[in-house]
Protein backbone atom coordinates (compact mmCIF):
# COMPACT_ATOMS: atom_id res chain seq x y z
CA UNK A 1 -20.65 -50.74 3.80
CA UNK A 2 -23.51 -48.28 4.28
CA UNK A 3 -24.07 -45.86 6.75
CA UNK A 4 -27.97 -47.74 7.39
CA UNK A 5 -25.28 -50.93 8.23
CA UNK A 6 -24.40 -48.62 11.48
CA UNK A 7 -26.05 -49.14 14.94
CA UNK A 8 -26.05 -45.22 15.96
CA UNK A 9 -27.20 -44.67 19.53
CA UNK A 10 -30.64 -42.91 19.93
CA UNK A 11 -29.40 -39.51 20.45
CA UNK A 12 -27.58 -39.74 17.32
CA UNK A 13 -29.68 -38.27 14.20
CA UNK A 14 -28.53 -39.26 10.36
CA UNK A 15 -29.17 -37.38 7.13
CA UNK A 16 -27.69 -39.37 4.65
CA UNK A 17 -27.72 -38.10 0.63
CA UNK A 18 -26.68 -39.34 -2.53
CA UNK A 19 -24.23 -36.69 -3.42
CA UNK A 20 -22.26 -34.09 -2.14
CA UNK A 21 -24.45 -31.24 -3.78
CA UNK A 22 -27.67 -32.40 -2.42
CA UNK A 23 -25.76 -32.37 1.12
CA UNK A 24 -24.73 -28.76 0.47
CA UNK A 25 -28.30 -28.03 -0.27
CA UNK A 26 -30.15 -29.20 2.37
CA UNK A 27 -27.61 -28.44 5.36
CA UNK A 28 -27.45 -24.81 4.40
CA UNK A 29 -31.04 -24.35 4.44
CA UNK A 30 -30.67 -26.12 7.87
CA UNK A 31 -27.85 -23.99 8.84
CA UNK A 32 -30.23 -20.68 7.72
CA UNK A 33 -33.27 -21.88 9.56
CA UNK A 34 -31.57 -22.15 13.00
CA UNK A 35 -29.50 -19.00 12.80
CA UNK A 36 -33.12 -16.96 11.69
CA UNK A 37 -34.68 -19.00 14.55
CA UNK A 38 -32.30 -17.55 16.89
CA UNK A 39 -31.87 -14.16 15.76
CA UNK A 40 -35.99 -14.09 15.68
CA UNK A 41 -36.22 -15.19 19.52
CA UNK A 42 -33.11 -13.73 20.68
CA UNK A 43 -31.82 -11.04 18.68
CA UNK A 44 -28.54 -12.53 17.33
CA UNK A 45 -27.08 -16.10 16.52
CA UNK A 46 -23.75 -18.22 16.86
CA UNK A 47 -22.20 -20.55 15.08
CA UNK A 48 -18.75 -22.23 15.41
CA UNK A 49 -17.09 -23.59 11.89
CA UNK A 50 -14.88 -26.35 11.37
CA UNK A 51 -12.32 -26.20 8.69
CA UNK A 52 -10.94 -28.39 6.19
CA UNK A 53 -11.86 -29.15 2.05
CA UNK A 54 -15.13 -30.64 3.19
CA UNK A 55 -17.05 -27.39 4.19
CA UNK A 56 -15.99 -25.15 1.08
CA UNK A 57 -19.20 -25.40 -1.20
CA UNK A 58 -20.84 -25.07 2.26
CA UNK A 59 -19.48 -22.21 2.82
CA UNK A 60 -19.67 -20.56 -0.41
CA UNK A 61 -22.99 -21.28 -0.70
CA UNK A 62 -23.81 -19.87 2.78
CA UNK A 63 -21.92 -16.35 1.50
CA UNK A 64 -24.92 -15.85 -0.57
CA UNK A 65 -27.61 -16.52 1.74
CA UNK A 66 -30.40 -13.56 2.86
CA UNK A 67 -29.50 -13.95 6.32
CA UNK A 68 -29.55 -11.23 8.99
CA UNK A 69 -25.78 -11.55 9.25
CA UNK A 70 -24.80 -8.67 11.12
CA UNK A 71 -26.69 -10.50 14.15
CA UNK A 72 -24.33 -13.38 13.90
CA UNK A 73 -21.35 -14.42 15.61
CA UNK A 74 -18.91 -16.79 13.81
CA UNK A 75 -15.73 -18.81 15.08
CA UNK A 76 -13.83 -21.47 14.67
CA UNK A 77 -14.01 -24.69 16.33
CA UNK A 78 -9.96 -25.01 15.75
CA UNK A 79 -7.56 -23.82 14.13
CA UNK A 80 -3.77 -24.46 13.33
CA UNK A 81 -1.76 -22.08 14.79
CA UNK A 82 -0.30 -20.12 11.61
CA UNK A 83 -0.90 -16.59 10.03
CA UNK A 84 -4.17 -16.23 8.11
CA UNK A 85 -1.83 -15.43 5.51
CA UNK A 86 -0.61 -18.88 5.17
CA UNK A 87 -2.76 -21.63 3.29
CA UNK A 88 -3.20 -24.38 6.13
CA UNK A 89 -5.14 -21.41 8.32
CA UNK A 90 -8.66 -22.24 9.08
CA UNK A 91 -9.20 -18.59 9.50
CA UNK A 92 -7.96 -18.16 5.62
CA UNK A 93 -10.10 -20.17 4.82
CA UNK A 94 -13.51 -18.68 6.00
CA UNK A 95 -12.29 -15.01 5.21
CA UNK A 96 -12.31 -16.38 1.35
CA UNK A 97 -15.16 -18.70 1.48
CA UNK A 98 -17.84 -17.53 4.15
CA UNK A 99 -17.01 -13.98 4.99
CA UNK A 100 -17.75 -12.87 1.50
CA UNK A 101 -20.82 -11.43 -0.35
CA UNK A 102 -23.96 -11.30 2.35
CA UNK A 103 -21.90 -12.98 4.95
CA UNK A 104 -19.05 -10.48 5.12
CA UNK A 105 -21.28 -8.65 7.70
CA UNK A 106 -21.05 -11.29 10.19
CA UNK A 107 -18.75 -10.45 13.36
CA UNK A 108 -15.86 -13.03 13.25
CA UNK A 109 -14.29 -14.37 16.47
CA UNK A 110 -10.39 -15.50 15.00
CA UNK A 111 -8.96 -17.70 17.72
CA UNK A 112 -5.30 -17.20 16.13
CA UNK A 113 -3.46 -14.09 17.61
CA UNK A 114 -0.02 -12.65 16.56
CA UNK A 115 3.24 -12.49 18.50
CA UNK A 116 2.67 -15.36 20.71
CA UNK A 117 2.48 -19.23 21.13
CA UNK A 118 -1.31 -20.86 21.06
CA UNK A 119 -0.08 -22.05 25.20
CA UNK A 120 0.19 -17.83 25.89
CA UNK A 121 -2.57 -17.17 23.85
CA UNK A 122 -5.08 -19.25 25.90
CA UNK A 123 -6.41 -17.21 27.81
CA UNK A 124 -7.13 -14.12 25.47
CA UNK A 125 -8.91 -16.87 23.66
CA UNK A 126 -10.95 -17.59 26.16
CA UNK A 127 -11.73 -14.11 26.93
CA UNK A 128 -12.68 -13.64 23.42
CA UNK A 129 -15.00 -16.57 23.28
CA UNK A 130 -16.46 -15.69 26.60
CA UNK A 131 -17.89 -12.54 24.42
CA UNK A 132 -20.86 -15.15 22.92
CA UNK A 133 -22.91 -15.22 26.07
CA UNK A 134 -24.30 -18.89 26.97
CA UNK A 135 -24.80 -21.44 24.54
CA UNK A 136 -23.43 -21.73 20.90
CA UNK A 137 -26.76 -22.11 18.28
CA UNK A 138 -24.64 -24.09 16.08
CA UNK A 139 -21.55 -26.34 15.86
CA UNK A 140 -20.56 -27.96 13.09
CA UNK A 141 -17.68 -30.39 13.30
CA UNK A 142 -15.67 -32.79 11.06
CA UNK A 143 -14.23 -35.44 11.62
CA UNK A 144 -10.80 -37.33 10.71
CA UNK A 145 -10.37 -41.26 10.07
CA UNK A 146 -7.57 -41.35 13.22
CA UNK A 147 -11.25 -40.08 14.85
CA UNK A 148 -9.90 -36.76 15.78
CA UNK A 149 -12.40 -33.88 15.83
CA UNK A 150 -11.86 -30.18 16.21
CA UNK A 151 -8.11 -30.42 17.29
CA UNK A 152 -8.45 -32.95 19.39
CA UNK A 153 -6.29 -35.83 18.25
CA UNK A 154 -5.72 -39.08 19.82
CA UNK A 155 -2.07 -38.25 19.62
CA UNK A 156 -1.69 -35.24 21.50
CA UNK A 157 -0.52 -35.56 24.98
CA UNK A 158 -3.08 -32.36 26.21
CA UNK A 159 -5.69 -34.22 25.13
CA UNK A 160 -7.04 -36.07 28.65
CA UNK A 161 -6.47 -32.38 29.93
CA UNK A 162 -8.55 -31.35 27.31
CA UNK A 163 -11.51 -33.65 27.19
CA UNK A 164 -11.95 -32.85 30.99
CA UNK A 165 -11.53 -28.81 31.01
CA UNK A 166 -14.15 -26.81 31.73
CA UNK A 167 -12.41 -23.92 29.57
CA UNK A 168 -13.46 -22.81 26.19
CA UNK A 169 -10.07 -23.44 24.84
CA UNK A 170 -7.00 -25.36 24.91
CA UNK A 171 -3.88 -25.01 23.32
CA UNK A 172 -2.81 -29.01 21.72
CA UNK A 173 0.26 -30.17 19.77
CA UNK A 174 -0.49 -33.18 17.86
CA UNK A 175 2.39 -35.25 16.64
CA UNK A 176 0.65 -36.34 13.67
CA UNK A 177 -0.63 -33.38 12.19
CA UNK A 178 1.69 -30.28 11.63
CA UNK A 179 1.27 -27.28 13.45
CA UNK A 180 0.37 -26.69 17.52
CA UNK A 181 -3.55 -25.41 17.66
CA UNK A 182 -5.83 -23.78 19.30
CA UNK A 183 -9.00 -25.91 19.76
CA UNK A 184 -12.26 -24.91 21.35
CA UNK A 185 -13.21 -28.00 24.18
CA UNK A 186 -15.91 -30.14 24.32
CA UNK A 187 -17.20 -28.62 27.17
CA UNK A 188 -17.42 -25.63 25.11
CA UNK A 189 -18.51 -27.27 21.66
CA UNK A 190 -21.41 -29.40 23.80
CA UNK A 191 -22.63 -26.56 24.98
CA UNK A 192 -24.72 -25.55 22.09
CA UNK A 193 -28.11 -25.98 21.16
CA UNK A 194 -27.54 -27.95 17.70
CA UNK A 195 -24.75 -29.95 16.90
CA UNK A 196 -23.74 -31.56 13.70
CA UNK A 197 -21.13 -33.70 12.17
CA UNK A 198 -20.38 -32.85 8.83
CA UNK A 199 -18.56 -35.62 6.80
CA UNK A 200 -18.17 -37.21 3.04
CA UNK A 201 -17.01 -40.15 1.75
CA UNK A 202 -17.17 -43.80 2.31
CA UNK A 203 -14.10 -44.16 4.30
CA UNK A 204 -15.80 -42.12 7.29
CA UNK A 205 -18.21 -44.74 7.49
CA UNK A 206 -15.44 -47.56 8.50
CA UNK A 207 -14.29 -44.64 10.75
CA UNK A 208 -17.73 -43.84 12.29
CA UNK A 209 -18.03 -47.79 13.28
CA UNK A 210 -14.57 -47.97 14.74
CA UNK A 211 -15.73 -44.83 16.72
CA UNK A 212 -18.94 -46.50 17.87
CA UNK A 213 -16.84 -49.26 19.74
CA UNK A 214 -14.57 -46.85 20.71
CA UNK A 215 -13.25 -44.65 23.72
CA UNK A 216 -12.69 -40.41 23.33
CA UNK A 217 -9.08 -41.46 24.55
CA UNK A 218 -8.70 -43.54 21.58
CA UNK A 219 -10.84 -41.84 19.14
CA UNK A 220 -12.30 -38.51 20.73
CA UNK A 221 -15.14 -38.20 17.97
CA UNK A 222 -16.98 -41.14 20.17
CA UNK A 223 -17.65 -38.66 22.97
CA UNK A 224 -19.55 -36.49 20.84
CA UNK A 225 -21.60 -39.74 19.39
CA UNK A 226 -22.83 -39.99 23.33
CA UNK A 227 -24.76 -36.68 22.70
CA UNK A 228 -27.64 -35.38 20.78
CA UNK A 229 -25.68 -34.87 17.36
CA UNK A 230 -27.19 -35.05 13.72
CA UNK A 231 -25.12 -36.58 11.37
CA UNK A 232 -24.84 -35.31 7.48
CA UNK A 233 -23.44 -37.74 5.33
CA UNK A 234 -22.94 -38.05 1.65
CA UNK A 235 -20.48 -40.51 -0.55
């Protein structure tokens, strides 16, 4: 299957690249442009990022960009409820690969908090996120082959309430993935100036094809495909 074989709705723009290196270079430049524009016009910018192995080269490249990082607030789309000392922590991933060098000047809002469960921390996490006034400037999502994005898993008992929540974040407990999670809600993720889905691999094309014909309860990423979005893909 080729990405050009997929029938995307008019609200979805596709940027396809021959290599992951080319994708990383182009997406890094787009992120820098978007954040610089926000800083120029409002004096600040906000960025919500996903974890996983796919964005690591992007984070490494972004950390070196000549951006006014001290005017940027960075947070996570979701995180596993584990200490940032643990290898499964998305916070650890960001601190290791993005919040270094030039980007160490950014303000970071973590989701994980010590000494409590994800459910117990939801209100405090919501308060932290509410310090980002208005829309997020840029959200970068990933996608699993089960159609989950952020930590909106089709197996999660909390999915239906998460999809309809007006809060910034909810705690979820997926049955097909380890650890409780904190995830931003669709309401918060879609309250953004720019939404990007960053995926790599031919297997993701099969997932996209299924998601385009699916429902948010079966494949949560399908909800986001109904809204303005740019997909960045490479084999």
